[in-house]
Amino acid sequence: IMSGLGFFDQEEIADRANSPETPSFHRIPQYAQDDQTSNENPDTAYIPESVRKFIVDFRKAFRSKDTAAILNLYAGAFCELSEKHYKSAHWPKVEVIAPLVDTDQLFLVLYKEMYYRHIYSICSGQLVSLEDRVESFQNYFNLFAYLLKTDVDQIQLDLPNQWIWDVVDEFIWQYNDFARFRAKLVQKVNLTYNDEEVEKNAEFVSQQRDIWSTVYVLQTLNAIIAKSGIMPILQNDKQGNASASEVLDKSGTLHFMRMMGYYSLIGLLRVHTLLGDYHTAIKSVDVIDFTKRIRLFSKVVGCRITLFYYTGFVLMMLRRYSDALKFFGHLLTYINRIKNTYTRFSLYDDIDKKREQTYHLLGMTLPLCPERHGIDEVVLSALKGDKVGDRMIRCQAGELEAFSEMFKCACPKFVTIATNFADPASNIADPLEHQHNIFINEVKEQLLLPTIRSYLSLYSTISVDKLGSFMEQEGLKVPAHLVREYLLRFKHKTRQAVWTGAKLSEGEKAGATDVVFYIEKDMVYVQNYTSSSEVQQRSQAQYFADQILYLRPCLEQLTTRRV
């Protein structure tokens, strides 16, 4: 059954094959209990006994390639020890822990990746220095160089999907953070900001343009995808020749590289979106099949949320509002179901933030696309009851300021590829303002569309002159030639590429409105599909079908408990 959310089967939420990987809390070693008190010792060489045991056990699990134990230590024990000992301090440096792990270089590279990710996470990133940014980049460079220069069967890595995703996700996040850090330096320098440290940092960044460069990030992600061999697997899966989930469910080095390639595809989607290249962004995920019952992106919660958020945003910027609504609606339905499950995880704050951003995206896309495609009633109720609902009402009234506010609350943190410090114009240009202006200019062209639709929905035939008399501007009747122009604009703007289940970057042209009309001489002939009893009956039947699918997991849980 195709649900009201398009090609996304709501029933899959109860499918174990799509359950994300999470640590087993009853199996997480309780290292924190070995220390009686928290001790954020200022001596960087000091390591609490519980941390020593954790590092030794972590390396042992890493070398034995026990992915279940690694996940418990990585997503469970590491967070608990960070909360107790390093809530506002750094973890021990690599040089300090190296003797505990026999200077295992590969393990130390991965430890360093966690070490710098922790630095970025504490105190909202206020403790991150330029040296930290550079060394973290160098560590990623070493890790990816090892992966790309070593034969696949010789790579000594097997990590849980959660960690593989976090490596790609953090790599892109730190690239984004450095781009914004660089832009702030440019602004301070151009404003004659008299600060010796700022000038020193600006000089270093201007000379070292390869550090966190956009070209390197894109080349690395593409190289990993090519090395992993993930593209043929996903293409065969989409053609029905082989199941990608069965191929990739196997553990081992081959699984690690293939999942690195899979997550790098989603990483490309994200990077191209940050750069404002939406056509290339959507093509990056053409090989991902959203129609399968078992989906690889479901294995990691953060991966699924990132994929649907960025895909929906790209579709919205490409004026494919109907498809964007499907992704936003599905993502919000998913988040509303799982958010309470992750209250014990550090991921909870990120999930809640993405939920708020997606509600804003949904709220400003709905006024641009009258056909709502059966978005879950729970999602719509939450939208109307939230503060987003007030802004959406203002958007429906054609208030540009409301669109502007919602866009800036919901959009990703755009970056610019410009790095030339000698050219102030190329650096000061705010990428957020640029993308914001593109969106607002598109909205301006559609402000009259809801008004036209409301008048057309009242008539089966209406003259162009009469329609112009309704659409007064500054107290004057709109001339017939302008009315025709507005009607043609309505036709153009409501005709969109709609995804049919094949490549996401492609689609069939269709009208995304419930009002269809044509003009013959001076008369407008209207067909309003909302008045069709057949459509109304189908809508009512779809509502009950959606509710049955929505409540089925709850019914299964109640039945299991009763037994």
Protein backbone atom coordinates (compact mmCIF):
# COMPACT_ATOMS: atom_id res chain seq x y z
CA ILE A 1 0.00 0.00 0.00
CA MET A 2 1.34 3.39 -0.95
CA SER A 3 0.81 5.62 2.04
CA GLY A 4 -0.09 9.29 1.94
CA LEU A 5 3.59 10.09 2.30
CA GLY A 6 4.32 8.97 -1.25
CA PHE A 7 6.83 6.16 -1.63
CA PHE A 8 7.69 5.89 2.07
CA ASP A 9 6.10 2.90 3.76
CA GLN A 10 5.03 3.88 7.30
CA GLU A 11 4.89 0.24 8.37
CA GLU A 12 8.66 -0.08 8.17
CA ILE A 13 9.05 1.67 11.54
CA ALA A 14 8.21 -1.67 13.14
CA ASP A 15 10.57 -3.61 10.89
CA ARG A 16 13.62 -4.86 12.79
CA ALA A 17 15.71 -4.79 9.62
CA ASN A 18 15.47 -0.99 9.67
CA SER A 19 16.20 -0.57 13.38
CA PRO A 20 19.19 1.72 13.97
CA GLU A 21 22.27 0.44 15.76
CA THR A 22 22.39 1.47 19.42
CA PRO A 23 24.62 0.38 22.30
CA SER A 24 23.27 -2.22 24.74
CA PHE A 25 23.26 -0.29 28.01
CA HIS A 26 23.23 -3.42 30.15
CA ARG A 27 26.45 -4.52 28.41
CA ILE A 28 28.33 -1.23 28.66
CA PRO A 29 31.28 -1.61 31.08
CA GLN A 30 30.83 0.67 34.09
CA TYR A 31 34.26 2.31 34.09
CA ALA A 32 33.04 5.48 35.77
CA GLN A 33 32.27 3.53 38.95
CA ASP A 34 35.97 2.74 39.39
CA ASP A 35 36.63 6.37 40.37
CA GLN A 36 35.04 7.78 43.46
CA THR A 37 34.99 11.40 42.31
CA SER A 38 35.24 13.37 39.14
CA ASN A 39 38.76 14.65 38.55
CA GLU A 40 39.35 17.10 35.73
CA ASN A 41 43.06 17.23 36.63
CA PRO A 42 44.95 20.14 35.14
CA ASP A 43 47.95 17.82 34.61
CA THR A 44 47.60 16.67 31.00
CA ALA A 45 49.66 13.55 31.75
CA TYR A 46 47.24 12.37 34.41
CA ILE A 47 44.87 9.57 33.37
CA PRO A 48 42.18 8.29 35.79
CA GLU A 49 42.22 4.54 36.31
CA SER A 50 38.80 4.11 34.71
CA VAL A 51 40.03 5.89 31.57
CA ARG A 52 43.12 3.67 31.45
CA LYS A 53 40.95 0.53 31.57
CA PHE A 54 38.64 1.97 28.93
CA ILE A 55 41.49 2.72 26.50
CA VAL A 56 43.04 -0.73 26.94
CA ASP A 57 39.68 -2.48 26.44
CA PHE A 58 38.86 -0.22 23.52
CA ARG A 59 42.04 -1.11 21.71
CA LYS A 60 41.52 -4.82 22.46
CA ALA A 61 38.00 -4.73 20.96
CA PHE A 62 39.32 -2.73 18.00
CA ARG A 63 42.03 -5.28 17.21
CA SER A 64 39.69 -8.25 17.67
CA LYS A 65 37.18 -6.51 15.34
CA ASP A 66 34.33 -7.10 17.80
CA THR A 67 31.93 -4.49 16.40
CA ALA A 68 29.30 -5.05 19.14
CA ALA A 69 31.88 -4.40 21.88
CA ILE A 70 33.29 -1.43 19.95
CA LEU A 71 29.80 0.12 19.68
CA ASN A 72 29.18 -0.25 23.43
CA LEU A 73 32.54 1.34 24.23
CA TYR A 74 32.32 4.04 21.56
CA ALA A 75 28.70 5.16 21.97
CA GLY A 76 28.27 4.22 25.62
CA ALA A 77 31.35 4.17 27.85
CA PHE A 78 33.13 7.01 26.04
CA CYS A 79 30.16 9.33 26.60
CA GLU A 80 29.85 8.36 30.27
CA LEU A 81 33.56 8.94 30.93
CA SER A 82 33.46 12.23 29.04
CA GLU A 83 30.57 13.39 31.20
CA LYS A 84 32.40 12.51 34.41
CA HIS A 85 36.02 13.42 33.72
CA TYR A 86 36.13 15.65 30.64
CA LYS A 87 32.92 17.67 30.65
CA SER A 88 34.86 20.88 30.03
CA ALA A 89 38.36 19.54 29.42
CA HIS A 90 40.29 17.64 26.78
CA TRP A 91 40.78 13.90 26.79
CA PRO A 92 44.40 12.73 27.27
CA LYS A 93 46.54 13.53 24.26
CA VAL A 94 47.73 10.82 21.90
CA GLU A 95 51.31 11.04 23.22
CA VAL A 96 50.05 10.27 26.73
CA ILE A 97 47.98 7.19 25.90
CA ALA A 98 50.35 5.78 23.26
CA PRO A 99 52.26 3.57 25.78
CA LEU A 100 48.94 2.02 26.92
CA VAL A 101 48.21 0.72 23.41
CA ASP A 102 51.76 -0.22 22.35
CA THR A 103 51.84 2.82 20.04
CA ASP A 104 49.26 1.25 17.74
CA GLN A 105 49.29 3.88 14.97
CA LEU A 106 45.96 2.96 13.38
CA PHE A 107 44.15 2.92 16.71
CA LEU A 108 45.78 6.25 17.65
CA VAL A 109 44.50 7.86 14.44
CA LEU A 110 40.94 6.83 15.32
CA TYR A 111 41.40 7.88 18.96
CA LYS A 112 42.62 11.26 17.73
CA GLU A 113 39.48 11.58 15.59
CA MET A 114 37.37 11.10 18.74
CA TYR A 115 39.68 13.39 20.71
CA TYR A 116 39.17 16.39 18.40
CA ARG A 117 35.46 15.69 17.98
CA HIS A 118 35.16 15.94 21.78
CA ILE A 119 37.03 19.28 21.75
CA TYR A 120 34.55 20.65 19.21
CA SER A 121 31.61 19.46 21.31
CA ILE A 122 32.57 20.94 24.69
CA CYS A 123 31.65 24.53 25.57
CA SER A 124 29.95 24.98 22.17
CA GLY A 125 33.31 24.83 20.43
CA GLN A 126 34.71 27.84 22.32
CA LEU A 127 37.86 25.92 23.28
CA VAL A 128 38.84 25.08 19.69
CA SER A 129 42.06 26.79 18.64
CA LEU A 130 43.52 27.20 15.16
CA GLU A 131 46.10 24.59 16.09
CA ASP A 132 43.30 22.13 16.93
CA ARG A 133 41.64 22.77 13.57
CA VAL A 134 44.87 22.20 11.66
CA GLU A 135 45.86 19.06 13.57
CA SER A 136 42.37 17.60 13.19
CA PHE A 137 42.59 18.18 9.44
CA GLN A 138 45.99 16.50 9.34
CA ASN A 139 44.57 13.50 11.21
CA TYR A 140 41.71 13.15 8.71
CA PHE A 141 44.24 13.52 5.90
CA ASN A 142 46.30 10.63 7.34
CA LEU A 143 43.23 8.44 7.86
CA PHE A 144 41.88 8.94 4.33
CA ALA A 145 45.34 8.58 2.79
CA TYR A 146 45.63 5.18 4.50
CA LEU A 147 42.21 4.12 3.22
CA LEU A 148 42.84 5.28 -0.36
CA LYS A 149 46.41 4.01 -0.73
CA THR A 150 45.91 0.60 0.89
CA ASP A 151 44.34 -2.34 -0.95
CA VAL A 152 40.82 -3.02 0.33
CA ASP A 153 41.67 -6.52 1.57
CA GLN A 154 44.67 -5.11 3.47
CA ILE A 155 42.78 -2.43 5.41
CA GLN A 156 42.74 -3.45 9.06
CA LEU A 157 39.48 -1.76 10.01
CA ASP A 158 36.04 -3.01 10.95
CA LEU A 159 33.88 -0.51 12.77
CA PRO A 160 30.16 -0.30 13.61
CA ASN A 161 28.02 1.72 11.20
CA GLN A 162 27.52 4.45 13.80
CA TRP A 163 31.23 5.21 13.99
CA ILE A 164 31.69 5.01 10.21
CA TRP A 165 28.91 7.55 9.76
CA ASP A 166 30.34 9.79 12.49
CA VAL A 167 33.73 9.91 10.73
CA VAL A 168 32.16 11.20 7.51
CA ASP A 169 29.69 13.46 9.32
CA GLU A 170 32.33 15.06 11.55
CA PHE A 171 34.74 15.51 8.64
CA ILE A 172 32.14 17.61 6.80
CA TRP A 173 31.06 19.44 9.96
CA GLN A 174 34.63 20.52 10.74
CA TYR A 175 35.11 21.62 7.12
CA ASN A 176 31.96 23.76 7.47
CA ASP A 177 33.16 25.14 10.80
CA PHE A 178 36.57 26.07 9.39
CA ALA A 179 34.98 27.82 6.40
CA ARG A 180 32.93 29.99 8.75
CA PHE A 181 35.98 30.54 10.98
CA ARG A 182 37.93 31.72 7.92
CA ALA A 183 35.11 34.05 6.86
CA LYS A 184 35.06 35.66 10.31
CA LEU A 185 38.82 36.19 10.14
CA VAL A 186 38.41 37.95 6.78
CA GLN A 187 35.75 40.25 8.18
CA LYS A 188 37.91 41.15 11.19
CA VAL A 189 40.94 41.86 9.00
CA ASN A 190 38.95 43.97 6.53
CA LEU A 191 37.45 45.96 9.38
CA THR A 192 40.98 46.83 10.57
CA TYR A 193 40.48 44.75 13.67
CA ASN A 194 43.65 45.49 15.67
CA ASP A 195 44.43 42.16 17.24
CA GLU A 196 47.83 40.49 16.94
CA GLU A 197 46.40 36.97 17.24
CA VAL A 198 43.77 37.66 14.57
CA GLU A 199 46.38 39.00 12.16
CA LYS A 200 48.64 36.03 12.86
CA ASN A 201 45.82 33.53 12.27
CA ALA A 202 44.71 35.36 9.11
CA GLU A 203 48.23 35.28 7.70
CA PHE A 204 48.54 31.54 8.40
CA VAL A 205 45.15 30.72 6.86
CA SER A 206 45.84 32.84 3.77
CA GLN A 207 49.10 30.95 3.18
CA GLN A 208 47.73 27.47 3.90
CA ARG A 209 44.76 27.35 1.53
CA ASP A 210 44.89 23.57 1.20
CA ILE A 211 43.82 23.10 4.82
CA TRP A 212 40.10 22.25 4.86
CA SER A 213 39.81 23.32 1.23
CA THR A 214 36.57 22.62 -0.61
CA VAL A 215 38.46 20.97 -3.46
CA TYR A 216 40.15 18.51 -1.09
CA VAL A 217 36.88 17.64 0.65
CA LEU A 218 35.06 16.95 -2.63
CA GLN A 219 37.98 15.00 -4.09
CA THR A 220 38.29 12.87 -0.95
CA LEU A 221 34.60 11.98 -0.82
CA ASN A 222 34.55 11.09 -4.51
CA ALA A 223 37.73 9.02 -4.15
CA ILE A 224 36.27 7.04 -1.24
CA ILE A 225 33.10 6.37 -3.24
CA ALA A 226 35.15 5.12 -6.19
CA LYS A 227 37.43 2.98 -3.98
CA SER A 228 34.51 1.43 -2.07
CA GLY A 229 32.77 0.03 -5.15
CA ILE A 230 29.41 1.05 -3.67
CA MET A 231 27.98 2.51 -6.89
CA PRO A 232 27.57 -0.79 -8.81
CA ILE A 233 26.02 -2.41 -5.72
CA LEU A 234 23.41 0.32 -5.34
CA GLN A 235 22.71 0.40 -9.08
CA ASN A 236 22.11 -3.38 -9.14
CA ASP A 237 19.92 -3.05 -6.07
CA LYS A 238 17.83 -0.34 -7.71
CA GLN A 239 17.43 -2.48 -10.85
CA GLY A 240 16.32 -5.44 -8.73
CA ASN A 241 19.32 -7.62 -9.62
CA ALA A 242 20.70 -7.95 -6.07
CA SER A 243 19.87 -6.70 -2.57
CA ALA A 244 22.31 -4.08 -1.32
CA SER A 245 21.26 -4.72 2.29
CA GLU A 246 22.23 -8.40 2.04
CA VAL A 247 25.60 -7.55 0.49
CA LEU A 248 26.41 -4.82 3.02
CA ASP A 249 25.11 -6.53 6.16
CA LYS A 250 28.23 -8.69 6.27
CA SER A 251 30.97 -7.52 8.64
CA GLY A 252 34.64 -7.15 7.80
CA THR A 253 36.96 -4.77 5.96
CA LEU A 254 34.90 -4.91 2.78
CA HIS A 255 31.81 -3.86 4.75
CA PHE A 256 33.74 -0.95 6.27
CA MET A 257 34.86 0.45 2.91
CA ARG A 258 31.46 -0.02 1.28
CA MET A 259 29.70 1.78 4.10
CA MET A 260 32.31 4.55 3.95
CA GLY A 261 31.40 4.90 0.29
CA TYR A 262 27.67 4.86 1.03
CA TYR A 263 27.93 7.55 3.71
CA SER A 264 30.23 9.60 1.47
CA LEU A 265 27.40 9.78 -1.09
CA ILE A 266 25.26 11.44 1.56
CA GLY A 267 28.27 13.58 2.47
CA LEU A 268 28.45 14.82 -1.14
CA LEU A 269 24.77 15.73 -0.97
CA ARG A 270 25.51 17.79 2.12
CA VAL A 271 28.65 19.54 0.81
CA HIS A 272 27.09 20.52 -2.52
CA THR A 273 24.06 21.85 -0.63
CA LEU A 274 26.31 23.98 1.59
CA LEU A 275 27.90 25.38 -1.57
CA GLY A 276 24.50 26.10 -3.13
CA ASP A 277 24.99 23.63 -6.01
CA TYR A 278 21.57 21.99 -5.72
CA HIS A 279 21.50 20.17 -9.06
CA THR A 280 24.76 18.35 -8.33
CA ALA A 281 23.62 17.74 -4.76
CA ILE A 282 20.46 15.88 -5.77
CA LYS A 283 22.35 13.85 -8.37
CA SER A 284 24.67 12.62 -5.61
CA VAL A 285 21.89 10.45 -4.16
CA ASP A 286 20.36 9.24 -7.42
CA VAL A 287 21.57 5.70 -6.72
CA ILE A 288 19.94 5.54 -3.27
CA ASP A 289 16.61 3.73 -3.43
CA PHE A 290 14.04 5.30 -1.11
CA THR A 291 11.33 2.83 -2.12
CA LYS A 292 12.89 -0.33 -0.64
CA ARG A 293 11.41 -1.81 2.50
CA ILE A 294 14.87 -2.41 3.99
CA ARG A 295 17.04 0.69 3.73
CA LEU A 296 20.70 1.13 4.52
CA PHE A 297 20.29 4.70 5.75
CA SER A 298 18.01 3.41 8.53
CA LYS A 299 20.95 1.78 10.33
CA VAL A 300 22.09 5.10 11.79
CA VAL A 301 19.62 7.70 13.07
CA GLY A 302 21.85 10.67 12.25
CA CYS A 303 22.38 9.41 8.71
CA ARG A 304 18.65 9.09 8.06
CA ILE A 305 17.87 12.53 9.46
CA THR A 306 20.70 14.18 7.50
CA LEU A 307 19.68 12.48 4.25
CA PHE A 308 16.02 13.50 4.46
CA TYR A 309 16.70 17.02 5.76
CA TYR A 310 19.18 17.93 3.02
CA THR A 311 17.24 16.14 0.27
CA GLY A 312 14.05 17.96 1.23
CA PHE A 313 15.86 21.29 1.41
CA VAL A 314 17.45 20.80 -2.02
CA LEU A 315 14.10 19.87 -3.57
CA MET A 316 12.56 22.99 -2.04
CA MET A 317 15.30 25.20 -3.52
CA LEU A 318 14.79 23.51 -6.90
CA ARG A 319 11.10 24.52 -6.74
CA ARG A 320 9.98 20.91 -6.40
CA TYR A 321 7.73 21.67 -3.45
CA SER A 322 5.53 18.59 -3.83
CA ASP A 323 8.51 16.23 -3.45
CA ALA A 324 10.03 18.36 -0.69
CA LEU A 325 6.83 18.03 1.34
CA LYS A 326 7.05 14.23 1.13
CA PHE A 327 10.55 14.25 2.61
CA PHE A 328 9.75 16.81 5.31
CA GLY A 329 6.58 14.96 6.29
CA HIS A 330 8.32 11.60 6.45
CA LEU A 331 11.24 13.00 8.46
CA LEU A 332 8.98 14.64 11.04
CA THR A 333 6.88 11.51 11.39
CA TYR A 334 10.06 9.51 11.96
CA ILE A 335 11.54 11.98 14.48
CA ASN A 336 8.29 12.20 16.45
CA ARG A 337 8.34 8.42 16.83
CA ILE A 338 11.94 7.91 17.89
CA LYS A 339 12.92 11.09 19.74
CA ASN A 340 11.90 9.81 23.19
CA THR A 341 13.95 6.65 22.63
CA TYR A 342 17.15 8.69 22.50
CA THR A 343 16.83 10.80 25.63
CA ARG A 344 19.90 9.04 27.07
CA PHE A 345 22.02 9.78 24.03
CA SER A 346 23.98 12.94 23.19
CA LEU A 347 22.23 12.74 19.82
CA TYR A 348 18.94 13.89 21.41
CA ASP A 349 19.76 17.62 21.19
CA ASP A 350 20.72 17.26 17.52
CA ILE A 351 17.48 15.38 16.78
CA ASP A 352 15.41 18.05 18.51
CA LYS A 353 17.19 20.82 16.60
CA LYS A 354 16.61 19.11 13.25
CA ARG A 355 12.96 18.60 14.21
CA GLU A 356 12.51 22.34 14.76
CA GLN A 357 14.33 23.19 11.52
CA THR A 358 12.22 20.73 9.53
CA TYR A 359 8.99 22.15 10.96
CA HIS A 360 10.09 25.58 9.72
CA LEU A 361 10.86 24.14 6.28
CA LEU A 362 7.47 22.43 6.19
CA GLY A 363 5.73 25.59 7.37
CA MET A 364 7.14 27.75 4.58
CA THR A 365 6.78 25.09 1.84
CA LEU A 366 3.08 24.40 2.43
CA PRO A 367 1.96 27.91 1.37
CA LEU A 368 3.95 27.43 -1.86
CA CYS A 369 2.30 24.11 -2.69
CA PRO A 370 -1.46 23.82 -2.05
CA GLU A 371 -1.47 20.07 -2.77
CA ARG A 372 -0.34 18.62 0.58
CA HIS A 373 0.08 14.96 -0.35
CA GLY A 374 -1.50 13.50 2.78
CA ILE A 375 1.04 14.66 5.38
CA ASP A 376 0.49 12.91 8.69
CA GLU A 377 -2.26 14.57 10.74
CA VAL A 378 -0.08 14.41 13.86
CA VAL A 379 2.60 16.42 12.07
CA LEU A 380 0.11 19.02 10.83
CA SER A 381 -1.44 19.35 14.30
CA ALA A 382 1.97 19.91 15.87
CA LEU A 383 2.79 22.46 13.16
CA LYS A 384 -0.37 24.47 13.83
CA GLY A 385 0.09 24.36 17.60
CA ASP A 386 3.73 25.38 17.53
CA LYS A 387 5.20 28.89 17.15
CA VAL A 388 5.97 27.84 13.58
CA GLY A 389 2.22 27.85 12.96
CA ASP A 390 2.01 31.62 13.53
CA ARG A 391 4.78 32.23 11.03
CA MET A 392 3.14 29.89 8.53
CA ILE A 393 -0.11 31.89 8.77
CA ARG A 394 1.89 35.03 8.03
CA CYS A 395 3.48 33.23 5.05
CA GLN A 396 0.04 32.29 3.75
CA ALA A 397 -0.90 35.97 3.98
CA GLY A 398 2.07 36.79 1.72
CA GLU A 399 4.32 38.35 4.36
CA LEU A 400 7.90 38.19 3.06
CA GLU A 401 9.37 38.85 6.49
CA ALA A 402 7.86 35.60 7.76
CA PHE A 403 9.42 33.64 4.87
CA SER A 404 12.74 35.34 5.62
CA GLU A 405 12.61 34.48 9.34
CA MET A 406 11.72 30.84 8.70
CA PHE A 407 14.39 30.40 6.03
CA LYS A 408 17.15 31.70 8.29
CA CYS A 409 15.96 29.48 11.15
CA ALA A 410 15.78 26.34 9.02
CA CYS A 411 18.53 26.52 6.40
CA PRO A 412 21.94 24.82 6.71
CA LYS A 413 25.07 26.87 7.40
CA PHE A 414 26.18 27.75 3.90
CA VAL A 415 29.84 28.25 3.03
CA THR A 416 31.72 30.03 0.29
CA ILE A 417 34.49 28.49 -1.78
CA ALA A 418 36.35 31.84 -1.95
CA THR A 419 39.65 31.90 -0.01
CA ASN A 420 41.43 34.92 -1.50
CA PHE A 421 42.26 37.30 1.34
CA ALA A 422 43.51 39.91 -1.11
CA ASP A 423 40.04 40.32 -2.61
CA PRO A 424 37.62 41.57 0.10
CA ALA A 425 34.60 41.38 -2.19
CA SER A 426 34.97 37.62 -2.73
CA ASN A 427 35.21 36.89 0.97
CA ILE A 428 32.77 39.22 2.67
CA ALA A 429 29.88 38.11 0.45
CA ASP A 430 27.67 36.25 2.90
CA PRO A 431 26.66 32.89 1.39
CA LEU A 432 23.59 32.78 3.66
CA GLU A 433 22.36 36.13 2.34
CA HIS A 434 22.97 35.00 -1.22
CA GLN A 435 20.88 31.83 -0.84
CA HIS A 436 18.28 33.72 1.18
CA ASN A 437 17.87 36.27 -1.63
CA ILE A 438 17.46 33.49 -4.20
CA PHE A 439 14.65 31.95 -2.18
CA ILE A 440 12.91 35.26 -1.38
CA ASN A 441 13.01 36.32 -5.04
CA GLU A 442 11.25 33.07 -5.94
CA VAL A 443 8.65 33.67 -3.22
CA LYS A 444 8.00 37.20 -4.53
CA GLU A 445 7.04 35.74 -7.89
CA GLN A 446 4.47 33.51 -6.20
CA LEU A 447 2.80 35.94 -3.81
CA LEU A 448 -0.25 36.37 -6.05
CA LEU A 449 -0.72 32.64 -6.70
CA PRO A 450 -2.78 31.87 -3.55
CA THR A 451 -5.06 34.82 -4.38
CA ILE A 452 -5.56 33.64 -7.96
CA ARG A 453 -6.22 30.09 -6.79
CA SER A 454 -8.80 31.24 -4.24
CA TYR A 455 -10.77 33.14 -6.92
CA LEU A 456 -10.52 30.37 -9.52
CA SER A 457 -11.71 27.75 -7.04
CA LEU A 458 -15.04 29.63 -6.72
CA TYR A 459 -15.92 29.52 -10.42
CA SER A 460 -16.20 27.07 -13.27
CA THR A 461 -16.03 29.95 -15.79
CA ILE A 462 -14.99 33.55 -15.27
CA SER A 463 -14.04 36.34 -17.63
CA VAL A 464 -10.54 37.82 -17.60
CA ASP A 465 -11.97 41.29 -16.93
CA LYS A 466 -14.02 40.09 -13.95
CA LEU A 467 -11.01 38.31 -12.49
CA GLY A 468 -9.02 41.54 -12.90
CA SER A 469 -11.68 43.49 -11.01
CA PHE A 470 -11.28 41.10 -8.05
CA MET A 471 -7.50 41.48 -8.09
CA GLU A 472 -7.34 45.17 -7.32
CA GLN A 473 -3.92 46.70 -6.79
CA GLU A 474 -3.78 50.02 -4.96
CA GLY A 475 -7.52 50.43 -5.51
CA LEU A 476 -7.27 50.03 -9.28
CA LYS A 477 -8.54 47.22 -11.48
CA VAL A 478 -5.78 44.97 -12.85
CA PRO A 479 -5.60 45.30 -16.68
CA ALA A 480 -6.51 42.27 -18.77
CA HIS A 481 -2.97 41.82 -20.14
CA LEU A 482 -1.59 41.66 -16.57
CA VAL A 483 -4.27 39.15 -15.55
CA ARG A 484 -3.19 36.93 -18.44
CA GLU A 485 0.43 37.32 -17.34
CA TYR A 486 -0.49 36.29 -13.77
CA LEU A 487 -2.46 33.28 -15.04
CA LEU A 488 0.51 32.15 -17.14
CA ARG A 489 2.75 32.59 -14.11
CA PHE A 490 0.33 30.45 -12.10
CA LYS A 491 0.56 27.72 -14.77
CA HIS A 492 4.35 27.89 -14.82
CA LYS A 493 4.97 27.99 -11.08
CA THR A 494 2.54 25.19 -10.22
CA ARG A 495 3.98 22.87 -12.84
CA GLN A 496 6.85 20.95 -11.24
CA ALA A 497 8.99 17.87 -11.77
CA VAL A 498 7.46 15.16 -9.56
CA TRP A 499 9.49 12.12 -8.49
CA THR A 500 8.05 8.83 -9.77
CA GLY A 501 10.36 6.40 -7.96
CA ALA A 502 13.28 6.35 -10.41
CA LYS A 503 16.20 8.80 -10.14
CA LEU A 504 15.48 11.52 -7.63
CA SER A 505 17.05 14.18 -9.88
CA GLU A 506 14.51 13.35 -12.57
CA GLY A 507 10.74 13.37 -12.59
CA GLU A 508 7.65 13.82 -14.67
CA LYS A 509 6.21 17.28 -15.12
CA ALA A 510 2.90 17.59 -13.32
CA GLY A 511 0.68 20.30 -11.91
CA ALA A 512 1.07 20.64 -8.16
CA THR A 513 -2.34 22.22 -7.62
CA ASP A 514 -5.94 21.16 -7.31
CA VAL A 515 -7.14 23.90 -9.71
CA VAL A 516 -6.74 23.37 -13.47
CA PHE A 517 -7.84 25.92 -16.07
CA TYR A 518 -7.44 27.03 -19.66
CA ILE A 519 -8.12 30.35 -21.40
CA GLU A 520 -10.23 30.64 -24.53
CA LYS A 521 -10.50 34.17 -25.88
CA ASP A 522 -11.62 36.29 -22.90
CA MET A 523 -12.95 33.46 -20.73
CA VAL A 524 -11.19 31.29 -18.14
CA TYR A 525 -12.55 27.74 -17.81
CA VAL A 526 -11.81 26.09 -14.46
CA GLN A 527 -11.83 22.51 -13.23
CA ASN A 528 -11.61 22.37 -9.45
CA TYR A 529 -10.69 18.85 -8.38
CA THR A 530 -11.43 19.53 -4.73
CA SER A 531 -15.14 19.40 -5.53
CA SER A 532 -14.92 15.91 -7.02
CA SER A 533 -16.68 13.37 -4.80
CA GLU A 534 -14.33 10.65 -6.06
CA VAL A 535 -11.28 12.57 -4.87
CA GLN A 536 -12.93 13.30 -1.53
CA GLN A 537 -13.72 9.63 -1.00
CA ARG A 538 -10.17 8.67 -1.93
CA SER A 539 -8.85 11.25 0.54
CA GLN A 540 -11.04 9.90 3.34
CA ALA A 541 -10.01 6.31 2.59
CA GLN A 542 -6.34 7.35 2.54
CA TYR A 543 -6.76 9.03 5.93
CA PHE A 544 -8.04 5.83 7.55
CA ALA A 545 -5.34 3.77 5.82
CA ASP A 546 -2.66 6.12 7.15
CA GLN A 547 -4.04 5.91 10.68
CA ILE A 548 -4.14 2.09 10.58
CA LEU A 549 -0.50 1.98 9.47
CA TYR A 550 0.47 4.62 12.03
CA LEU A 551 -1.07 2.70 14.97
CA ARG A 552 -0.03 -0.79 13.90
CA PRO A 553 3.34 -0.74 15.79
CA CYS A 554 1.50 0.29 18.98
CA LEU A 555 -1.00 -2.54 18.52
CA GLU A 556 1.81 -5.06 18.02
CA GLN A 557 3.55 -3.87 21.18
CA LEU A 558 0.36 -4.15 23.22
CA THR A 559 -0.31 -7.64 21.83
CA THR A 560 3.24 -8.75 22.69
CA ARG A 561 2.99 -7.45 26.24
CA ARG A 562 -0.38 -9.12 26.76
CA VAL A 563 1.05 -12.50 25.66
